[in-house]
Amino acid sequence: MRTPAPLRFPPNFVWGTATAAAQIEGAARTDGKSESVWDRFARRPGAVFNGDTLDIACDHYHRFDQDFALMARLGIKHYRLSLAWPRLIPCGDATINQRGIDFYHRLFDSLEKHGITPWVTLFHWDLPQALEAQGGWRSRVVPEAFARYADVAVKAFGSRVKNWITLNEIRCFTVHGYAGLGKAPGAAEAPGVVNQTIHHALVCHGHAVRAVREHGGRGARVGLTDNCETVIPFTETAPDIAAARAHFVETNQSILGAIYGGGYAPAYLRRCGADRPRVTRGDFALISLPTDFLGLNIYTGLTVRRGKNGKPERVLASPSYPKTDSPWLELAPRALYWGPRLAAEVYGVKNIYITENGCGYNDDQVVKGECQDLHRVEYLRSYLKELHRAMQDRTPVRGYFLWSFLDNFEWADGYTRRFGIVHNDFKTQQRTPKMSAHWYARVVADNALL
């Protein structure tokens, strides 16, 4: 029997892991950090499973050097992290907290010591609660405050960071946060208000791009990370592919369509009707500033075919279709083929990074020093095969960041849902690399899928 040939990736392909400040740092009231919307939301009865809070999380604030040493032992040389806005400017748009600046300098010192390149997200959902009290994403107060925050962060760290991500998953902290869908701040607003929160987030994206261009220094690169609606054709035939493409265009008009189109598409504005967002003069000059790459967070996808009426029609999975323990995460490996391919074809993007991909389970346990998460290994293998296929078909994917390095605070699911390739015992903060960590380390070392 012949051994299958390995699926090799390009020599300069970026392999990494990812986390977010709010989910791992802890130290929620340490060294001048203020309350974020997630700190407040987690204390609302019933908002987060088991009443879990972000107070300690993975205690990464005090253990980052150990974590980076482990990352280096696994051979991981690229790391996507986020900065905590409430740690750097606690009130959102007032006094800079020098202790917060100093913390991230220590963190970047450690990354440099361990030979790990940072990829820094400016905003990953942890809005200062002080800004939410002034209207939050509903109001222009946030874009105005974010413009200063972005300037402060890029000026402070621009000599150390060359890969910048503006915002993480706009629709999650706007639609899911303000339309009653279970994320902080837990508001339930009318559609017009929700659409306005998206627009304000797009303006913040523009300010982040501007800040990197003005203060990032030589070699600085910047892009958005988006969890676009990933659409998979039911069959890879021309009619179903056309249907998938049409549905992809329609469902992503409010964010990616606006950024790459230089304005809102007429079809989107017609659907909004009286709920269309208010646009201030100069907004789209910022929003449509050119970027260097697009980050895509892809976990699952929806399947579409050409219906009998010629229009896209969703194909629904049966209740027995395999899922992870996250009910929203149906197994859909082809999402990692079609997501980047459609983004490249529709928007003309030349550089795409998969900035998150992974799976969450509740039953990862350490037994006799091992966590045999075979389900995660098989998930990752099947998805990476499809990513390799996309690249073989000339989709311009330049890198992949596995979510997540550590089990962490999984938002409304608290500490029960584990996405990490490193197991964390939240009582003792003991880190144990899972089977998936050793498997991924081999992929990174070989630059190939065996």
Protein backbone atom coordinates (compact mmCIF):
# COMPACT_ATOMS: atom_id res chain seq x y z
CA MET A 1 0.00 0.00 0.00
CA ARG A 2 1.41 3.41 -0.99
CA THR A 3 1.58 6.12 1.65
CA PRO A 4 -0.34 9.22 0.44
CA ALA A 5 1.88 12.15 -0.45
CA PRO A 6 1.82 14.99 2.08
CA LEU A 7 -0.16 18.12 1.22
CA ARG A 8 2.56 20.75 1.22
CA PHE A 9 2.02 24.46 1.81
CA PRO A 10 4.08 27.32 0.32
CA PRO A 11 7.48 27.99 1.95
CA ASN A 12 6.40 31.35 3.37
CA PHE A 13 3.00 30.20 4.68
CA VAL A 14 2.16 31.66 8.11
CA TRP A 15 1.09 29.15 10.77
CA GLY A 16 -0.13 30.54 14.08
CA THR A 17 -2.55 30.41 16.96
CA ALA A 18 -4.92 33.04 18.29
CA THR A 19 -6.46 34.37 21.50
CA ALA A 20 -8.19 37.54 22.70
CA ALA A 21 -7.32 39.70 25.70
CA ALA A 22 -10.70 39.54 27.41
CA GLN A 23 -10.81 35.75 27.17
CA ILE A 24 -7.41 34.95 28.65
CA GLU A 25 -5.81 37.86 30.52
CA GLY A 26 -7.85 38.00 33.70
CA ALA A 27 -6.53 40.71 36.05
CA ALA A 28 -9.83 42.45 35.43
CA ARG A 29 -9.18 45.21 37.99
CA THR A 30 -5.37 45.13 38.03
CA ASP A 31 -3.01 48.03 37.30
CA GLY A 32 -5.68 50.51 36.36
CA LYS A 33 -7.79 48.42 33.98
CA SER A 34 -11.42 49.51 33.92
CA GLU A 35 -14.60 47.52 33.48
CA SER A 36 -15.48 46.36 29.96
CA VAL A 37 -18.95 45.61 28.64
CA TRP A 38 -18.16 41.92 29.05
CA ASP A 39 -17.09 42.39 32.67
CA ARG A 40 -20.46 44.02 33.31
CA PHE A 41 -22.49 41.59 31.17
CA ALA A 42 -20.99 38.53 32.87
CA ARG A 43 -22.42 39.74 36.17
CA ARG A 44 -25.94 39.92 34.80
CA PRO A 45 -27.85 36.90 36.20
CA GLY A 46 -28.23 34.22 33.54
CA ALA A 47 -26.12 36.00 30.91
CA VAL A 48 -23.12 33.65 31.10
CA PHE A 49 -23.27 29.93 31.76
CA ASN A 50 -22.61 29.01 35.39
CA GLY A 51 -22.20 32.68 36.29
CA ASP A 52 -18.60 32.62 35.06
CA THR A 53 -16.72 35.93 34.92
CA LEU A 54 -13.58 37.26 33.25
CA ASP A 55 -11.93 38.16 36.56
CA ILE A 56 -9.18 35.51 36.42
CA ALA A 57 -9.74 33.71 33.10
CA CYS A 58 -6.39 32.03 32.22
CA ASP A 59 -4.40 34.47 34.38
CA HIS A 60 -2.37 35.17 31.25
CA TYR A 61 -1.66 38.65 32.64
CA HIS A 62 0.72 37.03 35.13
CA ARG A 63 1.65 33.89 33.14
CA PHE A 64 2.29 35.16 29.61
CA ASP A 65 5.99 34.31 29.67
CA GLN A 66 5.25 30.67 30.57
CA ASP A 67 2.56 30.55 27.88
CA PHE A 68 4.93 31.88 25.23
CA ALA A 69 7.62 29.44 26.30
CA LEU A 70 5.11 26.62 25.74
CA MET A 71 4.11 28.11 22.40
CA ALA A 72 7.75 28.21 21.35
CA ARG A 73 8.27 24.58 22.40
CA LEU A 74 5.43 23.66 20.08
CA GLY A 75 7.21 25.49 17.27
CA ILE A 76 4.52 28.14 16.80
CA LYS A 77 6.11 31.35 15.53
CA HIS A 78 3.07 33.56 14.87
CA TYR A 79 0.54 34.62 17.46
CA ARG A 80 -2.63 36.65 17.03
CA LEU A 81 -3.61 38.54 20.19
CA SER A 82 -5.65 41.59 21.04
CA LEU A 83 -5.06 44.68 23.13
CA ALA A 84 -7.54 45.47 25.89
CA TRP A 85 -8.88 48.98 25.28
CA PRO A 86 -10.01 49.26 28.96
CA ARG A 87 -6.44 48.51 30.03
CA LEU A 88 -4.87 51.21 27.84
CA ILE A 89 -7.48 53.99 28.12
CA PRO A 90 -9.75 52.94 31.00
CA CYS A 91 -12.48 55.51 30.43
CA GLY A 92 -12.37 55.02 26.69
CA ASP A 93 -11.27 58.52 25.70
CA ALA A 94 -9.49 60.14 28.61
CA THR A 95 -6.25 59.54 30.48
CA ILE A 96 -3.84 56.96 29.09
CA ASN A 97 -3.01 54.23 31.60
CA GLN A 98 0.79 53.92 31.52
CA ARG A 99 0.66 50.68 33.49
CA GLY A 100 -1.36 49.17 30.67
CA ILE A 101 1.15 50.37 28.10
CA ASP A 102 3.96 48.91 30.19
CA PHE A 103 2.21 45.54 30.47
CA TYR A 104 2.02 45.11 26.72
CA HIS A 105 5.64 46.16 26.32
CA ARG A 106 6.57 43.36 28.74
CA LEU A 107 4.38 40.99 26.76
CA PHE A 108 6.04 41.98 23.47
CA ASP A 109 9.45 41.60 25.13
CA SER A 110 8.52 38.01 25.96
CA LEU A 111 7.26 37.28 22.46
CA GLU A 112 10.51 38.62 21.02
CA LYS A 113 12.54 36.53 23.46
CA HIS A 114 10.72 33.39 22.34
CA GLY A 115 10.96 34.18 18.62
CA ILE A 116 7.22 34.70 18.11
CA THR A 117 5.79 37.34 15.75
CA PRO A 118 2.75 39.26 17.08
CA TRP A 119 -0.36 39.92 15.00
CA VAL A 120 -2.31 42.47 17.00
CA THR A 121 -6.07 43.07 16.94
CA LEU A 122 -7.00 46.54 18.17
CA PHE A 123 -10.55 45.63 19.18
CA HIS A 124 -11.86 42.19 20.12
CA TRP A 125 -15.22 42.99 21.75
CA ASP A 126 -14.12 44.49 25.12
CA LEU A 127 -15.55 48.01 24.81
CA PRO A 128 -14.91 50.13 27.93
CA GLN A 129 -18.13 50.18 29.94
CA ALA A 130 -17.69 53.94 30.33
CA LEU A 131 -18.33 54.33 26.60
CA GLU A 132 -21.34 52.02 26.66
CA ALA A 133 -22.77 54.30 29.36
CA GLN A 134 -22.54 57.13 26.83
CA GLY A 135 -24.45 55.23 24.15
CA GLY A 136 -21.91 52.63 23.06
CA TRP A 137 -21.89 51.58 19.42
CA ARG A 138 -25.23 53.33 18.91
CA SER A 139 -23.46 56.67 19.16
CA ARG A 140 -20.69 58.57 17.36
CA VAL A 141 -18.97 58.73 20.75
CA VAL A 142 -17.33 55.35 20.07
CA PRO A 143 -15.77 56.18 16.66
CA GLU A 144 -14.48 59.44 18.09
CA ALA A 145 -12.94 57.66 21.09
CA PHE A 146 -11.63 54.80 18.96
CA ALA A 147 -9.78 57.20 16.67
CA ARG A 148 -7.71 58.35 19.64
CA TYR A 149 -7.32 54.81 21.02
CA ALA A 150 -5.98 53.58 17.67
CA ASP A 151 -3.50 56.45 17.53
CA VAL A 152 -2.32 55.74 21.07
CA ALA A 153 -1.90 52.00 20.49
CA VAL A 154 -0.11 52.21 17.16
CA LYS A 155 2.19 55.01 18.37
CA ALA A 156 3.03 52.99 21.50
CA PHE A 157 3.68 49.66 19.80
CA GLY A 158 4.33 50.46 16.15
CA SER A 159 8.04 49.77 16.47
CA ARG A 160 7.24 46.25 17.75
CA VAL A 161 4.15 45.29 15.80
CA LYS A 162 3.98 45.19 12.00
CA ASN A 163 0.82 43.13 11.51
CA TRP A 164 -2.33 44.96 12.66
CA ILE A 165 -5.96 43.85 12.61
CA THR A 166 -8.51 46.62 13.02
CA LEU A 167 -11.58 44.92 14.51
CA ASN A 168 -12.71 41.36 15.14
CA GLU A 169 -16.09 40.18 13.81
CA ILE A 170 -18.15 43.35 13.50
CA ARG A 171 -21.47 41.55 13.31
CA CYS A 172 -20.87 39.81 16.65
CA PHE A 173 -20.39 42.92 18.78
CA THR A 174 -23.04 44.91 16.88
CA VAL A 175 -25.86 42.63 15.71
CA HIS A 176 -25.36 40.00 18.41
CA GLY A 177 -24.73 42.62 21.08
CA TYR A 178 -27.55 45.05 20.26
CA ALA A 179 -30.30 42.87 18.71
CA GLY A 180 -30.86 40.59 21.70
CA LEU A 181 -28.68 37.71 20.48
CA GLY A 182 -26.80 36.96 23.68
CA LYS A 183 -23.59 38.98 23.56
CA ALA A 184 -22.52 42.03 25.52
CA PRO A 185 -23.87 44.54 26.22
CA GLY A 186 -27.04 42.49 25.93
CA ALA A 187 -29.23 45.18 24.37
CA ALA A 188 -32.33 44.65 22.22
CA GLU A 189 -32.62 47.57 19.83
CA ALA A 190 -34.69 48.27 16.74
CA PRO A 191 -33.20 47.34 13.33
CA GLY A 192 -32.31 50.93 12.49
CA VAL A 193 -30.24 51.25 15.64
CA VAL A 194 -28.50 47.95 14.97
CA ASN A 195 -27.65 49.04 11.43
CA GLN A 196 -26.19 52.23 12.86
CA THR A 197 -23.94 50.25 15.22
CA ILE A 198 -22.53 48.43 12.19
CA HIS A 199 -21.85 51.72 10.44
CA HIS A 200 -20.03 53.13 13.48
CA ALA A 201 -17.90 49.99 13.62
CA LEU A 202 -16.98 50.48 9.95
CA VAL A 203 -15.87 54.04 10.74
CA CYS A 204 -13.67 52.63 13.52
CA HIS A 205 -12.15 50.21 11.03
CA GLY A 206 -11.28 53.18 8.85
CA HIS A 207 -9.69 55.04 11.74
CA ALA A 208 -7.56 52.00 12.54
CA VAL A 209 -6.31 51.80 8.97
CA ARG A 210 -5.54 55.51 9.07
CA ALA A 211 -3.67 55.17 12.38
CA VAL A 212 -1.49 52.35 11.04
CA ARG A 213 -0.69 54.33 7.90
CA GLU A 214 0.21 57.42 9.93
CA HIS A 215 2.04 55.84 12.88
CA GLY A 216 2.84 52.22 12.04
CA GLY A 217 6.23 52.88 10.51
CA ARG A 218 8.02 51.02 7.79
CA GLY A 219 6.64 47.61 6.92
CA ALA A 220 3.35 48.02 8.80
CA ARG A 221 0.40 46.08 7.38
CA VAL A 222 -3.26 46.28 8.32
CA GLY A 223 -6.54 44.52 7.58
CA LEU A 224 -9.94 43.64 9.01
CA THR A 225 -10.94 40.29 10.51
CA ASP A 226 -14.50 39.41 9.51
CA ASN A 227 -16.76 36.46 10.19
CA CYS A 228 -18.49 36.81 6.85
CA GLU A 229 -21.43 34.62 5.97
CA THR A 230 -19.61 31.65 4.49
CA VAL A 231 -21.64 30.02 1.73
CA ILE A 232 -21.04 26.54 0.32
CA PRO A 233 -22.60 25.34 -2.94
CA PHE A 234 -24.56 22.13 -2.48
CA THR A 235 -22.90 20.66 -5.56
CA GLU A 236 -19.83 22.09 -7.20
CA THR A 237 -21.68 22.67 -10.44
CA ALA A 238 -22.16 25.97 -12.24
CA PRO A 239 -25.80 26.57 -11.14
CA ASP A 240 -25.15 25.90 -7.45
CA ILE A 241 -21.86 27.84 -7.47
CA ALA A 242 -23.66 30.83 -9.01
CA ALA A 243 -26.37 30.56 -6.35
CA ALA A 244 -23.78 30.40 -3.57
CA ARG A 245 -21.97 33.42 -4.97
CA ALA A 246 -25.20 35.45 -5.21
CA HIS A 247 -26.11 34.58 -1.62
CA PHE A 248 -22.57 35.43 -0.45
CA VAL A 249 -22.79 38.86 -2.09
CA GLU A 250 -26.20 39.61 -0.59
CA THR A 251 -25.48 38.48 2.96
CA ASN A 252 -22.16 40.32 3.20
CA GLN A 253 -23.21 43.68 1.78
CA SER A 254 -23.42 45.51 5.10
CA ILE A 255 -19.74 45.00 6.02
CA LEU A 256 -17.40 43.61 3.36
CA GLY A 257 -19.53 44.98 0.54
CA ALA A 258 -19.43 48.43 2.10
CA ILE A 259 -15.67 48.37 2.71
CA TYR A 260 -14.66 47.08 -0.71
CA GLY A 261 -17.45 48.81 -2.61
CA GLY A 262 -16.79 52.29 -1.28
CA GLY A 263 -20.36 52.64 -0.01
CA TYR A 264 -23.54 50.74 0.70
CA ALA A 265 -24.95 48.79 -2.24
CA PRO A 266 -28.33 50.07 -3.50
CA ALA A 267 -29.80 46.60 -2.93
CA TYR A 268 -28.73 46.72 0.73
CA LEU A 269 -30.22 50.18 1.22
CA ARG A 270 -33.49 49.08 -0.38
CA ARG A 271 -33.70 46.15 2.04
CA CYS A 272 -33.03 48.49 4.96
CA GLY A 273 -35.70 50.96 3.89
CA ALA A 274 -36.28 53.48 6.67
CA ASP A 275 -33.75 51.59 8.82
CA ARG A 276 -30.80 52.49 6.61
CA PRO A 277 -27.75 53.79 8.51
CA ARG A 278 -27.01 57.50 8.68
CA VAL A 279 -23.74 58.33 6.94
CA THR A 280 -21.73 61.42 7.84
CA ARG A 281 -19.69 63.26 5.23
CA GLY A 282 -16.23 61.71 5.00
CA ASP A 283 -17.19 58.35 6.54
CA PHE A 284 -16.58 56.31 3.41
CA ALA A 285 -13.32 58.08 2.66
CA LEU A 286 -12.16 56.39 5.88
CA ILE A 287 -14.08 53.13 5.57
CA SER A 288 -12.77 52.39 2.08
CA LEU A 289 -9.10 53.12 2.77
CA PRO A 290 -7.04 50.38 1.10
CA THR A 291 -5.93 47.51 3.33
CA ASP A 292 -3.14 44.96 2.94
CA PHE A 293 -5.08 41.79 3.70
CA LEU A 294 -8.42 40.40 4.78
CA GLY A 295 -8.71 38.14 7.81
CA LEU A 296 -11.50 35.56 7.80
CA ASN A 297 -12.79 33.71 10.84
CA ILE A 298 -14.34 30.53 9.47
CA TYR A 299 -15.77 27.74 11.60
CA THR A 300 -18.80 26.56 9.67
CA GLY A 301 -20.92 27.53 6.68
CA LEU A 302 -24.38 27.40 5.19
CA THR A 303 -25.14 25.33 2.12
CA VAL A 304 -27.00 26.82 -0.84
CA ARG A 305 -28.30 25.47 -4.14
CA ARG A 306 -30.10 26.95 -7.12
CA GLY A 307 -33.82 26.70 -6.34
CA LYS A 308 -36.58 25.83 -8.77
CA ASN A 309 -37.31 29.54 -9.18
CA GLY A 310 -33.67 30.15 -10.13
CA LYS A 311 -32.89 31.93 -6.86
CA PRO A 312 -30.51 30.77 -4.09
CA GLU A 313 -32.15 28.29 -1.76
CA ARG A 314 -30.68 27.16 1.54
CA VAL A 315 -30.20 23.43 2.14
CA LEU A 316 -30.91 22.63 5.78
CA ALA A 317 -29.13 19.85 7.64
CA SER A 318 -31.07 17.18 9.49
CA PRO A 319 -30.98 17.15 13.32
CA SER A 320 -28.50 14.26 13.23
CA TYR A 321 -25.97 16.18 11.13
CA PRO A 322 -22.66 16.23 13.06
CA LYS A 323 -21.95 19.26 15.22
CA THR A 324 -19.44 20.20 17.86
CA ASP A 325 -20.69 21.01 21.36
CA SER A 326 -21.24 24.57 20.12
CA PRO A 327 -24.76 24.20 18.66
CA TRP A 328 -23.99 26.78 15.94
CA LEU A 329 -20.89 24.92 14.76
CA GLU A 330 -21.95 22.30 12.25
CA LEU A 331 -19.04 20.46 10.66
CA ALA A 332 -18.49 22.01 7.25
CA PRO A 333 -14.92 21.51 6.04
CA ARG A 334 -15.71 22.93 2.61
CA ALA A 335 -16.29 26.30 4.28
CA LEU A 336 -12.50 26.67 4.34
CA TYR A 337 -12.48 26.22 0.56
CA TRP A 338 -15.43 28.37 -0.43
CA GLY A 339 -15.13 31.16 2.16
CA PRO A 340 -11.73 32.45 1.00
CA ARG A 341 -12.43 31.63 -2.64
CA LEU A 342 -15.62 33.68 -2.78
CA ALA A 343 -14.03 36.56 -0.86
CA ALA A 344 -11.17 36.67 -3.33
CA GLU A 345 -13.45 36.46 -6.36
CA VAL A 346 -16.09 38.93 -5.19
CA TYR A 347 -13.88 41.59 -3.60
CA GLY A 348 -10.63 41.11 -5.49
CA VAL A 349 -8.66 40.51 -2.28
CA LYS A 350 -5.05 39.53 -2.98
CA ASN A 351 -4.00 38.41 0.52
CA ILE A 352 -6.25 36.38 2.81
CA TYR A 353 -5.44 34.99 6.25
CA ILE A 354 -7.64 32.55 8.13
CA THR A 355 -7.48 34.41 11.42
CA GLU A 356 -9.62 31.89 13.31
CA ASN A 357 -10.64 28.29 12.74
CA GLY A 358 -11.26 25.66 15.39
CA CYS A 359 -13.89 23.79 17.35
CA GLY A 360 -15.34 23.77 20.85
CA TYR A 361 -16.08 20.72 22.99
CA ASN A 362 -17.16 20.26 26.59
CA ASP A 363 -15.50 16.92 27.33
CA ASP A 364 -11.76 17.61 26.94
CA GLN A 365 -10.23 15.95 30.01
CA VAL A 366 -6.68 15.29 31.12
CA VAL A 367 -6.26 11.61 32.00
CA LYS A 368 -2.85 10.36 33.11
CA GLY A 369 -1.25 13.52 31.81
CA GLU A 370 -2.88 13.38 28.37
CA CYS A 371 -5.88 14.95 26.67
CA GLN A 372 -6.72 12.79 23.68
CA ASP A 373 -8.92 15.19 21.70
CA LEU A 374 -9.11 13.05 18.58
CA HIS A 375 -12.33 14.83 17.53
CA ARG A 376 -10.42 18.12 17.27
CA VAL A 377 -7.59 16.55 15.29
CA GLU A 378 -10.03 15.11 12.76
CA TYR A 379 -11.89 18.42 12.52
CA LEU A 380 -8.68 20.35 11.85
CA ARG A 381 -7.35 17.80 9.37
CA SER A 382 -10.55 17.85 7.31
CA TYR A 383 -10.68 21.65 7.24
CA LEU A 384 -7.01 22.08 6.37
CA LYS A 385 -7.39 19.67 3.46
CA GLU A 386 -10.03 21.99 2.03
CA LEU A 387 -7.85 25.04 2.67
CA HIS A 388 -5.02 23.35 0.77
CA ARG A 389 -7.43 22.62 -2.08
CA ALA A 390 -8.42 26.28 -2.21
CA MET A 391 -4.78 27.29 -2.48
CA GLN A 392 -4.18 24.73 -5.20
CA ASP A 393 -7.00 26.48 -7.06
CA ARG A 394 -5.10 29.78 -6.65
CA THR A 395 -7.10 31.29 -3.82
CA PRO A 396 -4.61 33.74 -2.26
CA VAL A 397 -4.50 32.39 1.30
CA ARG A 398 -1.24 33.37 3.02
CA GLY A 399 -1.67 32.02 6.53
CA TYR A 400 -3.77 30.19 9.12
CA PHE A 401 -4.31 30.91 12.82
CA LEU A 402 -5.85 28.13 14.88
CA TRP A 403 -8.40 29.15 17.48
CA SER A 404 -7.40 28.82 20.17
CA PHE A 405 -4.06 28.37 21.86
CA LEU A 406 -5.66 27.98 25.30
CA ASP A 407 -9.00 26.89 26.64
CA ASN A 408 -10.46 30.19 27.79
CA PHE A 409 -13.55 32.24 28.62
CA GLU A 410 -15.85 31.32 25.74
CA TRP A 411 -18.16 34.33 26.08
CA ALA A 412 -21.71 33.34 27.06
CA ASP A 413 -20.64 29.69 27.35
CA GLY A 414 -18.21 30.56 30.13
CA TYR A 415 -15.46 28.06 30.89
CA THR A 416 -17.38 24.94 29.93
CA ARG A 417 -16.78 25.18 26.17
CA ARG A 418 -13.15 24.42 25.34
CA PHE A 419 -11.61 25.56 22.04
CA GLY A 420 -7.94 25.31 23.01
CA ILE A 421 -5.22 22.99 21.78
CA VAL A 422 -3.75 23.48 25.26
CA HIS A 423 -5.94 22.31 28.13
CA ASN A 424 -6.27 24.74 31.01
CA ASP A 425 -7.32 23.66 34.48
CA PHE A 426 -9.08 26.83 35.57
CA LYS A 427 -8.70 25.98 39.27
CA THR A 428 -4.94 25.43 39.19
CA GLN A 429 -4.04 27.20 35.89
CA GLN A 430 -2.13 24.07 34.89
CA ARG A 431 -1.50 23.99 31.12
CA THR A 432 -1.44 20.62 29.35
CA PRO A 433 -0.92 20.41 25.58
CA LYS A 434 -3.62 18.23 24.04
CA MET A 435 -3.12 15.63 21.33
CA SER A 436 -4.20 18.34 18.87
CA ALA A 437 -1.33 20.60 20.02
CA HIS A 438 1.26 17.94 19.22
CA TRP A 439 -0.46 17.16 15.92
CA TYR A 440 -0.55 20.84 14.96
CA ALA A 441 3.09 21.26 15.97
CA ARG A 442 3.95 18.56 13.43
CA VAL A 443 1.94 20.32 10.72
CA VAL A 444 3.77 23.58 11.45
CA ALA A 445 7.20 21.93 11.54
CA ASP A 446 6.62 20.04 8.28
CA ASN A 447 4.68 22.87 6.62
CA ALA A 448 2.52 20.04 5.38
CA LEU A 449 -0.55 18.00 6.16
CA LEU A 450 0.27 14.30 6.42
